[in-house]
Amino acid sequence: GAAAAPRSEPARSCDPQSPLHPDPDEEDSDPSDTEVSDNDCNETGVAELDVIIDEAGEKDRRSDSNEKHISCPECGKIFKKKLDLKRHMKNHTGERKHGCDVCGKRYKQQWHLTAHMRVHTGEKPFNCSLCEKSFKQKGELNMHMVVHTRERLFGCDTCGERFLRRANLKIHMITHSGERPFGCSFCGKRFKRGDYLKGHMRLHTGEKPFSCDVCGNTFTLKRNLKMHMKLHTGERPFSCDVCGKTFKIKRNLKLHMRVHTGEKPFGCDICGKRFYKRVSLTGHMKVHAEEKPLGWDACEEKDQSD
């Protein structure tokens, strides 16, 4: 008789939930396990499917020639793989199942924990190819590379000043807004930046963490130590382009330039006289404080005091 038709193999399912398909929810599974290859579907003649998870959690399957797309039921963000959606959902649930055995800090993702562990181990796997400096995180290396290129990518829309890092631009923008979000709990004085407040607090606590290696003098602020060190080195790095005079600090050069420009920003409210420096105005105001009222007579004052 006629030869029996060969027994056909049961078609393999492209359903991610099928027992024949690897579980995409396993954290340590290969990312490729979450998708069915084109060859698997072509062998069985089963069309590739899109899986969309709606808010009710039910699956709606439809044929599509493109990759699978899965949407987050909370925010609607689209993912190609179910494993990516699972990781994303931790942002909504707040789940942090990856804990540090050293300090107990917990993280949503395993790679966050891996990166954190370098704080304890001191490992710095990311190396600069130009200066051989190494870093714990790749992002730190990327930020460091700007030091070599000196490319200032981030510009202020208000004044045009440019910065190497976005964080520096963000700090700079507070200058234009006038915002002073950091307040001193002792005297109420407010500051634009947290590090300014931190330095100010040392005035109340008396802390002077910055010390001179030459004479042992201590300072509240690091910039004060840097200015002090120039007394020992004799360094005067700031020079006037007009007359060549040099200065130890940039602020003194800025004050000096007013001699050439004629700028006198400090004016007396009583007589209108103007000055290059605020301290000169302060000294001048004493002249008015010592002035006597109109018609004052020294002899009459002496008679009244007898």
Protein backbone atom coordinates (compact mmCIF):
# COMPACT_ATOMS: atom_id res chain seq x y z
CA GLY A 1 0.00 0.00 0.00
CA ALA A 2 0.88 3.66 -0.06
CA ALA A 3 3.64 4.70 2.30
CA ALA A 4 2.32 6.21 5.49
CA ALA A 5 2.74 9.94 5.75
CA PRO A 6 5.54 10.89 8.13
CA ARG A 7 4.30 11.74 11.57
CA SER A 8 4.39 15.51 12.05
CA GLU A 9 6.02 17.10 15.08
CA PRO A 10 3.74 19.22 17.26
CA ALA A 11 4.21 22.89 16.53
CA ARG A 12 6.29 24.69 19.14
CA SER A 13 4.50 27.62 20.72
CA CYS A 14 5.73 31.17 20.40
CA ASP A 15 3.78 32.02 23.54
CA PRO A 16 6.18 33.40 26.19
CA GLN A 17 4.05 31.65 28.83
CA SER A 18 4.25 28.25 27.15
CA PRO A 19 6.04 25.47 29.14
CA LEU A 20 8.14 24.91 26.01
CA HIS A 21 9.54 28.45 26.27
CA PRO A 22 12.17 29.54 28.88
CA ASP A 23 10.83 31.56 31.78
CA PRO A 24 11.59 35.26 31.02
CA ASP A 25 11.07 36.14 34.69
CA GLU A 26 14.32 34.52 35.79
CA GLU A 27 16.76 37.33 36.70
CA ASP A 28 19.86 35.42 35.64
CA SER A 29 18.47 34.07 32.38
CA ASP A 30 20.04 35.17 29.10
CA PRO A 31 18.24 38.21 27.66
CA SER A 32 17.70 36.27 24.43
CA ASP A 33 15.52 33.81 26.35
CA THR A 34 12.74 36.36 26.48
CA GLU A 35 12.16 36.29 22.72
CA VAL A 36 11.47 33.53 20.21
CA SER A 37 13.83 33.60 17.22
CA ASP A 38 12.59 33.98 13.67
CA ASN A 39 13.84 30.48 12.88
CA ASP A 40 11.72 28.90 15.62
CA CYS A 41 8.58 30.53 14.29
CA ASN A 42 9.41 29.87 10.65
CA GLU A 43 9.97 26.14 11.29
CA THR A 44 6.46 25.74 12.60
CA GLY A 45 4.77 28.27 10.38
CA VAL A 46 3.52 30.16 13.40
CA ALA A 47 3.36 33.91 12.82
CA GLU A 48 5.26 36.17 15.20
CA LEU A 49 2.98 37.69 17.83
CA ASP A 50 2.83 40.96 19.68
CA VAL A 51 1.93 40.74 23.33
CA ILE A 52 0.29 43.68 24.96
CA ILE A 53 -0.51 43.71 28.66
CA ASP A 54 -3.50 45.91 29.42
CA GLU A 55 -4.45 47.40 32.81
CA ALA A 56 -6.50 44.33 33.71
CA GLY A 57 -3.42 42.15 33.18
CA GLU A 58 -5.04 40.19 30.34
CA LYS A 59 -3.04 39.38 27.20
CA ASP A 60 -4.22 40.39 23.80
CA ARG A 61 -2.41 38.66 20.94
CA ARG A 62 -2.21 39.97 17.45
CA SER A 63 -0.10 39.15 14.41
CA ASP A 64 2.56 41.67 13.52
CA SER A 65 5.74 41.58 11.52
CA ASN A 66 7.54 43.83 14.03
CA GLU A 67 9.09 43.02 17.41
CA LYS A 68 6.94 42.35 20.46
CA HIS A 69 6.01 45.37 22.54
CA ILE A 70 4.80 45.34 26.14
CA SER A 71 3.37 48.37 27.89
CA CYS A 72 3.59 49.22 31.59
CA PRO A 73 0.09 49.16 33.11
CA GLU A 74 1.06 52.02 35.46
CA CYS A 75 2.68 54.64 33.19
CA GLY A 76 2.29 53.23 29.67
CA LYS A 77 6.02 53.02 28.92
CA ILE A 78 6.77 50.51 26.14
CA PHE A 79 9.26 47.63 26.38
CA LYS A 80 10.42 45.00 23.91
CA LYS A 81 10.95 42.30 26.53
CA LYS A 82 8.95 41.16 29.49
CA LEU A 83 12.08 41.04 31.64
CA ASP A 84 12.65 44.75 30.99
CA LEU A 85 9.07 45.46 32.04
CA LYS A 86 9.58 43.45 35.22
CA ARG A 87 12.65 45.49 36.11
CA HIS A 88 10.80 48.71 35.31
CA MET A 89 7.88 47.79 37.58
CA LYS A 90 10.20 48.01 40.59
CA ASN A 91 10.17 51.77 40.07
CA HIS A 92 6.46 51.70 40.89
CA THR A 93 6.55 49.07 43.64
CA GLY A 94 9.70 50.32 45.34
CA GLU A 95 11.00 46.76 45.67
CA ARG A 96 14.71 46.57 46.62
CA LYS A 97 15.65 42.91 46.89
CA HIS A 98 19.39 43.30 46.26
CA GLY A 99 21.14 44.07 49.56
CA CYS A 100 24.77 44.89 50.41
CA ASP A 101 26.29 42.40 52.87
CA VAL A 102 28.69 45.06 54.18
CA CYS A 103 26.52 48.10 54.96
CA GLY A 104 23.00 46.80 54.37
CA LYS A 105 22.08 49.32 51.70
CA ARG A 106 19.52 47.93 49.25
CA TYR A 107 18.98 48.38 45.51
CA LYS A 108 16.34 47.67 42.90
CA GLN A 109 18.75 46.19 40.35
CA GLN A 110 21.64 43.74 40.70
CA TRP A 111 23.96 45.96 38.66
CA HIS A 112 23.30 48.84 41.06
CA LEU A 113 24.52 46.62 43.89
CA THR A 114 27.54 45.52 41.85
CA ALA A 115 28.50 49.15 41.25
CA HIS A 116 27.94 49.98 44.94
CA MET A 117 30.24 47.18 46.11
CA ARG A 118 33.19 49.00 44.55
CA VAL A 119 32.83 51.57 47.33
CA HIS A 120 33.82 48.82 49.78
CA THR A 121 36.34 46.96 47.61
CA GLY A 122 38.03 50.06 46.17
CA GLU A 123 37.91 48.51 42.70
CA LYS A 124 38.27 51.06 39.87
CA PRO A 125 37.78 49.18 36.60
CA PHE A 126 37.25 52.21 34.33
CA ASN A 127 40.58 53.69 33.20
CA CYS A 128 41.32 56.94 31.36
CA SER A 129 43.36 56.25 28.24
CA LEU A 130 44.95 59.71 28.37
CA CYS A 131 46.14 60.07 31.97
CA GLU A 132 45.67 56.53 33.34
CA LYS A 133 43.43 57.78 36.13
CA SER A 134 40.85 55.16 37.14
CA PHE A 135 37.27 55.38 38.39
CA LYS A 136 34.69 53.21 40.14
CA GLN A 137 31.86 54.10 37.74
CA LYS A 138 31.74 54.56 33.98
CA GLY A 139 29.82 57.80 34.44
CA GLU A 140 32.70 59.20 36.49
CA LEU A 141 35.09 58.37 33.66
CA ASN A 142 32.83 60.11 31.14
CA MET A 143 32.75 63.24 33.30
CA HIS A 144 36.52 63.10 33.73
CA MET A 145 37.17 62.98 29.97
CA VAL A 146 35.81 66.52 29.70
CA VAL A 147 38.93 67.64 31.60
CA HIS A 148 41.02 66.59 28.61
CA THR A 149 38.74 67.90 25.87
CA ARG A 150 37.82 71.09 27.82
CA GLU A 151 34.63 71.09 25.78
CA ARG A 152 31.98 73.19 27.51
CA LEU A 153 28.78 71.62 26.26
CA PHE A 154 26.37 73.19 28.74
CA GLY A 155 25.51 76.86 28.24
CA CYS A 156 23.44 79.32 30.26
CA ASP A 157 20.53 80.71 28.23
CA THR A 158 20.55 83.90 30.31
CA CYS A 159 24.16 85.10 30.24
CA GLY A 160 25.83 82.71 27.80
CA GLU A 161 28.43 81.35 30.24
CA ARG A 162 29.34 77.74 29.46
CA PHE A 163 30.24 74.85 31.72
CA LEU A 164 31.98 71.50 31.52
CA ARG A 165 29.25 69.69 33.45
CA ARG A 166 25.47 69.93 33.61
CA ALA A 167 25.61 69.98 37.42
CA ASN A 168 27.72 73.15 37.32
CA LEU A 169 25.21 74.81 35.00
CA LYS A 170 22.38 73.89 37.36
CA ILE A 171 24.23 75.50 40.27
CA HIS A 172 24.96 78.57 38.15
CA MET A 173 21.29 79.06 37.23
CA ILE A 174 20.48 79.78 40.88
CA THR A 175 22.50 82.99 40.44
CA HIS A 176 19.90 84.29 38.00
CA SER A 177 16.86 83.04 39.89
CA GLY A 178 17.92 84.67 43.15
CA GLU A 179 16.77 81.53 44.96
CA ARG A 180 18.46 80.80 48.30
CA PRO A 181 17.09 77.43 49.36
CA PHE A 182 19.69 76.64 52.03
CA GLY A 183 19.15 78.31 55.42
CA CYS A 184 21.33 78.40 58.54
CA SER A 185 19.56 76.95 61.59
CA PHE A 186 21.56 79.22 63.92
CA CYS A 187 21.26 82.71 62.44
CA GLY A 188 18.78 82.27 59.59
CA LYS A 189 21.16 83.45 56.87
CA ARG A 190 20.35 81.85 53.53
CA PHE A 191 22.59 80.61 50.72
CA LYS A 192 22.33 79.66 47.08
CA ARG A 193 24.34 76.46 47.46
CA GLY A 194 24.59 73.72 50.05
CA ASP A 195 28.40 73.89 50.18
CA TYR A 196 28.18 77.62 50.98
CA LEU A 197 25.93 76.81 53.94
CA LYS A 198 28.28 74.04 55.05
CA GLY A 199 31.20 76.47 55.11
CA HIS A 200 29.10 79.08 56.93
CA MET A 201 28.11 76.62 59.66
CA ARG A 202 31.76 76.35 60.68
CA LEU A 203 31.57 79.97 61.84
CA HIS A 204 29.08 78.79 64.48
CA THR A 205 30.77 75.49 65.35
CA GLY A 206 34.32 76.87 65.30
CA GLU A 207 35.49 73.99 63.12
CA LYS A 208 38.64 74.72 61.08
CA PRO A 209 39.39 71.57 59.08
CA PHE A 210 41.89 73.12 56.64
CA SER A 211 45.42 73.48 57.99
CA CYS A 212 48.63 74.89 56.52
CA ASP A 213 51.43 72.30 56.20
CA VAL A 214 54.06 75.05 56.55
CA CYS A 215 53.01 77.02 59.63
CA GLY A 216 50.11 74.98 61.02
CA ASN A 217 47.58 77.80 60.74
CA THR A 218 44.02 76.50 60.37
CA PHE A 219 41.10 77.84 58.36
CA THR A 220 37.35 77.51 58.14
CA LEU A 221 37.25 77.49 54.33
CA LYS A 222 39.51 75.75 51.84
CA ARG A 223 39.75 78.87 49.68
CA ASN A 224 41.14 80.77 52.68
CA LEU A 225 43.87 78.17 53.02
CA LYS A 226 44.70 78.49 49.32
CA MET A 227 45.00 82.27 49.67
CA HIS A 228 47.16 81.82 52.77
CA MET A 229 49.56 79.43 51.01
CA LYS A 230 50.52 82.21 48.60
CA LEU A 231 52.13 84.01 51.56
CA HIS A 232 54.61 81.15 51.74
CA THR A 233 55.10 80.62 48.01
CA GLY A 234 55.06 84.30 47.02
CA GLU A 235 52.88 83.34 44.06
CA ARG A 236 51.06 86.20 42.33
CA PRO A 237 49.27 84.50 39.42
CA PHE A 238 46.83 87.31 38.55
CA SER A 239 48.31 90.14 36.47
CA CYS A 240 46.86 93.37 35.06
CA ASP A 241 46.83 93.48 31.25
CA VAL A 242 47.16 97.28 31.33
CA CYS A 243 50.04 97.99 33.72
CA GLY A 244 51.39 94.51 34.48
CA LYS A 245 50.83 94.70 38.25
CA THR A 246 50.36 91.26 39.80
CA PHE A 247 48.11 90.06 42.60
CA LYS A 248 47.80 87.00 44.79
CA ILE A 249 44.03 86.70 44.47
CA LYS A 250 41.67 87.37 41.57
CA ARG A 251 39.42 89.64 43.62
CA ASN A 252 42.26 92.13 44.16
CA LEU A 253 42.95 92.24 40.43
CA LYS A 254 39.26 92.95 39.80
CA LEU A 255 39.38 95.85 42.29
CA HIS A 256 42.58 97.16 40.70
CA MET A 257 41.07 97.23 37.21
CA ARG A 258 38.70 99.99 38.36
CA VAL A 259 41.70 102.30 38.53
CA HIS A 260 42.03 101.93 34.75
CA THR A 261 38.34 101.85 33.87
CA GLY A 262 37.35 104.67 36.23
CA GLU A 263 34.49 102.58 37.63
CA LYS A 264 33.36 103.70 41.06
CA PRO A 265 30.42 101.50 42.02
CA PHE A 266 30.12 102.67 45.66
CA GLY A 267 28.39 106.03 46.17
CA CYS A 268 27.62 108.13 49.24
CA ASP A 269 23.89 108.73 49.72
CA ILE A 270 24.56 112.03 51.52
CA CYS A 271 27.01 113.94 49.33
CA GLY A 272 27.13 111.79 46.19
CA LYS A 273 30.87 111.16 46.30
CA ARG A 274 31.84 107.82 44.73
CA PHE A 275 34.58 105.30 45.48
CA TYR A 276 36.42 102.33 43.95
CA LYS A 277 36.09 100.19 47.07
CA ARG A 278 33.36 99.59 49.62
CA VAL A 279 35.84 100.02 52.47
CA SER A 280 36.64 103.54 51.18
CA LEU A 281 32.94 104.41 51.28
CA THR A 282 32.68 103.04 54.83
CA GLY A 283 35.58 105.25 55.94
CA HIS A 284 34.04 108.26 54.19
CA MET A 285 30.71 107.84 55.97
CA LYS A 286 32.44 108.56 59.27
CA VAL A 287 32.99 112.11 58.03
CA HIS A 288 29.23 112.64 57.91
CA ALA A 289 28.71 110.91 61.24
CA GLU A 290 31.03 113.42 62.92
CA GLU A 291 29.37 116.45 61.29
CA LYS A 292 27.43 118.77 63.67
CA PRO A 293 23.97 120.13 62.91
CA LEU A 294 23.61 123.54 61.23
CA GLY A 295 24.01 126.47 63.72
CA TRP A 296 26.00 124.41 66.21
CA ASP A 297 28.24 126.56 68.47
CA ALA A 298 31.08 124.95 70.42
CA CYS A 299 31.07 127.73 73.08
CA GLU A 300 27.33 127.40 73.63
CA GLU A 301 27.67 123.66 74.06
CA LYS A 302 30.45 124.22 76.64
CA ASP A 303 28.25 126.70 78.64
CA GLN A 304 25.40 124.22 78.77
CA SER A 305 27.67 121.50 80.07
CA ASP A 306 28.91 123.62 83.05
